[in-house]
């Protein structure tokens, strides 16, 4: 159930030292959401994880909104790479 952070970072980083930009944060959170969604498919009554998933989705939504507002070009590239809706 671990998230491979390095792969998520490589998908979204602009250069080798970029590990905290908005795009990278969105990519990491998206991987965690996918992983937790798989967990919740088999463990439907895990309410604590459901709450964590809801919080992660909310945080990702806020970051996506910020990225879309400040840099729409980067947002569209990121959405293509990690599979977000446009």
Protein backbone atom coordinates (compact mmCIF):
# COMPACT_ATOMS: atom_id res chain seq x y z
CA UNK A 1 0.00 0.00 0.00
CA UNK A 2 2.99 2.29 -0.26
CA UNK A 3 3.09 5.14 -2.72
CA UNK A 4 6.08 5.37 -5.00
CA UNK A 5 6.86 9.03 -4.45
CA UNK A 6 9.89 9.07 -6.75
CA UNK A 7 7.82 8.05 -9.77
CA UNK A 8 5.16 10.63 -8.95
CA UNK A 9 7.80 13.34 -8.64
CA UNK A 10 9.48 12.37 -11.93
CA UNK A 11 6.16 12.65 -13.78
CA UNK A 12 5.65 16.27 -12.83
CA UNK A 13 9.01 17.89 -12.07
CA UNK A 14 10.39 20.64 -14.28
CA UNK A 15 14.05 19.96 -13.47
CA UNK A 16 16.06 17.54 -11.32
CA UNK A 17 15.86 19.61 -8.14
CA UNK A 18 12.13 20.36 -8.38
CA UNK A 19 10.46 18.42 -5.56
CA UNK A 20 7.95 20.85 -4.08
CA UNK A 21 6.27 22.77 -6.86
CA UNK A 22 2.50 22.78 -7.15
CA UNK A 23 2.56 20.31 -10.03
CA UNK A 24 4.70 17.86 -8.06
CA UNK A 25 2.43 18.15 -5.02
CA UNK A 26 -0.62 17.43 -7.18
CA UNK A 27 1.12 14.41 -8.69
CA UNK A 28 2.05 12.96 -5.29
CA UNK A 29 -1.43 13.49 -3.88
CA UNK A 30 -2.97 11.90 -6.99
CA UNK A 31 -0.88 8.76 -6.49
CA UNK A 32 -1.92 8.61 -2.84
CA UNK A 33 -5.58 9.02 -3.83
CA UNK A 34 -5.34 6.17 -6.34
CA UNK A 35 -3.69 3.94 -3.77
CA UNK A 36 -6.21 4.73 -1.03
CA UNK A 37 -9.12 4.25 -3.43
CA UNK A 38 -7.91 0.71 -4.12
CA UNK A 39 -7.69 0.06 -0.38
CA UNK A 40 -11.22 1.31 0.16
CA UNK A 41 -12.62 -0.97 -2.55
CA UNK A 42 -11.80 -3.95 -0.35
CA UNK A 43 -12.26 -2.27 3.05
CA UNK A 44 -15.52 -0.38 2.69
CA UNK A 45 -16.04 0.20 6.42
CA UNK A 46 -12.69 1.88 7.02
CA UNK A 47 -14.12 5.27 7.99
CA UNK A 48 -10.81 6.80 9.06
CA UNK A 49 -9.26 6.17 5.66
CA UNK A 50 -12.41 7.50 4.00
CA UNK A 51 -11.99 10.74 5.92
CA UNK A 52 -8.32 10.92 4.88
CA UNK A 53 -9.28 10.35 1.24
CA UNK A 54 -11.82 13.15 1.42
CA UNK A 55 -9.20 15.49 2.85
CA UNK A 56 -6.67 14.58 0.15
CA UNK A 57 -9.20 15.16 -2.60
CA UNK A 58 -10.03 18.55 -1.11
CA UNK A 59 -6.36 19.52 -0.90
CA UNK A 60 -5.72 18.39 -4.49
CA UNK A 61 -8.75 20.35 -5.70
CA UNK A 62 -7.40 23.52 -4.06
CA UNK A 63 -3.93 23.00 -5.58
CA UNK A 64 -5.41 22.34 -9.02
CA UNK A 65 -7.52 25.48 -8.78
CA UNK A 66 -4.42 27.50 -7.85
CA UNK A 67 -2.32 26.01 -10.66
CA UNK A 68 -5.07 26.56 -13.21
CA UNK A 69 -5.35 30.21 -12.15
CA UNK A 70 -1.62 30.99 -12.06
CA UNK A 71 -0.27 28.84 -14.91
CA UNK A 72 -2.91 27.33 -17.22
CA UNK A 73 -0.31 25.97 -19.65
CA UNK A 74 1.44 23.96 -16.94
CA UNK A 75 -1.92 22.74 -15.69
CA UNK A 76 -2.93 21.39 -19.08
CA UNK A 77 0.42 19.59 -19.45
CA UNK A 78 0.10 18.10 -15.97
CA UNK A 79 -3.48 17.00 -16.59
CA UNK A 80 -2.30 15.17 -19.69
CA UNK A 81 0.60 13.47 -17.86
CA UNK A 82 -1.21 12.21 -14.77
CA UNK A 83 -4.70 11.85 -16.13
CA UNK A 84 -6.68 14.67 -14.53
CA UNK A 85 -9.90 15.94 -16.02
CA UNK A 86 -9.56 19.19 -17.92
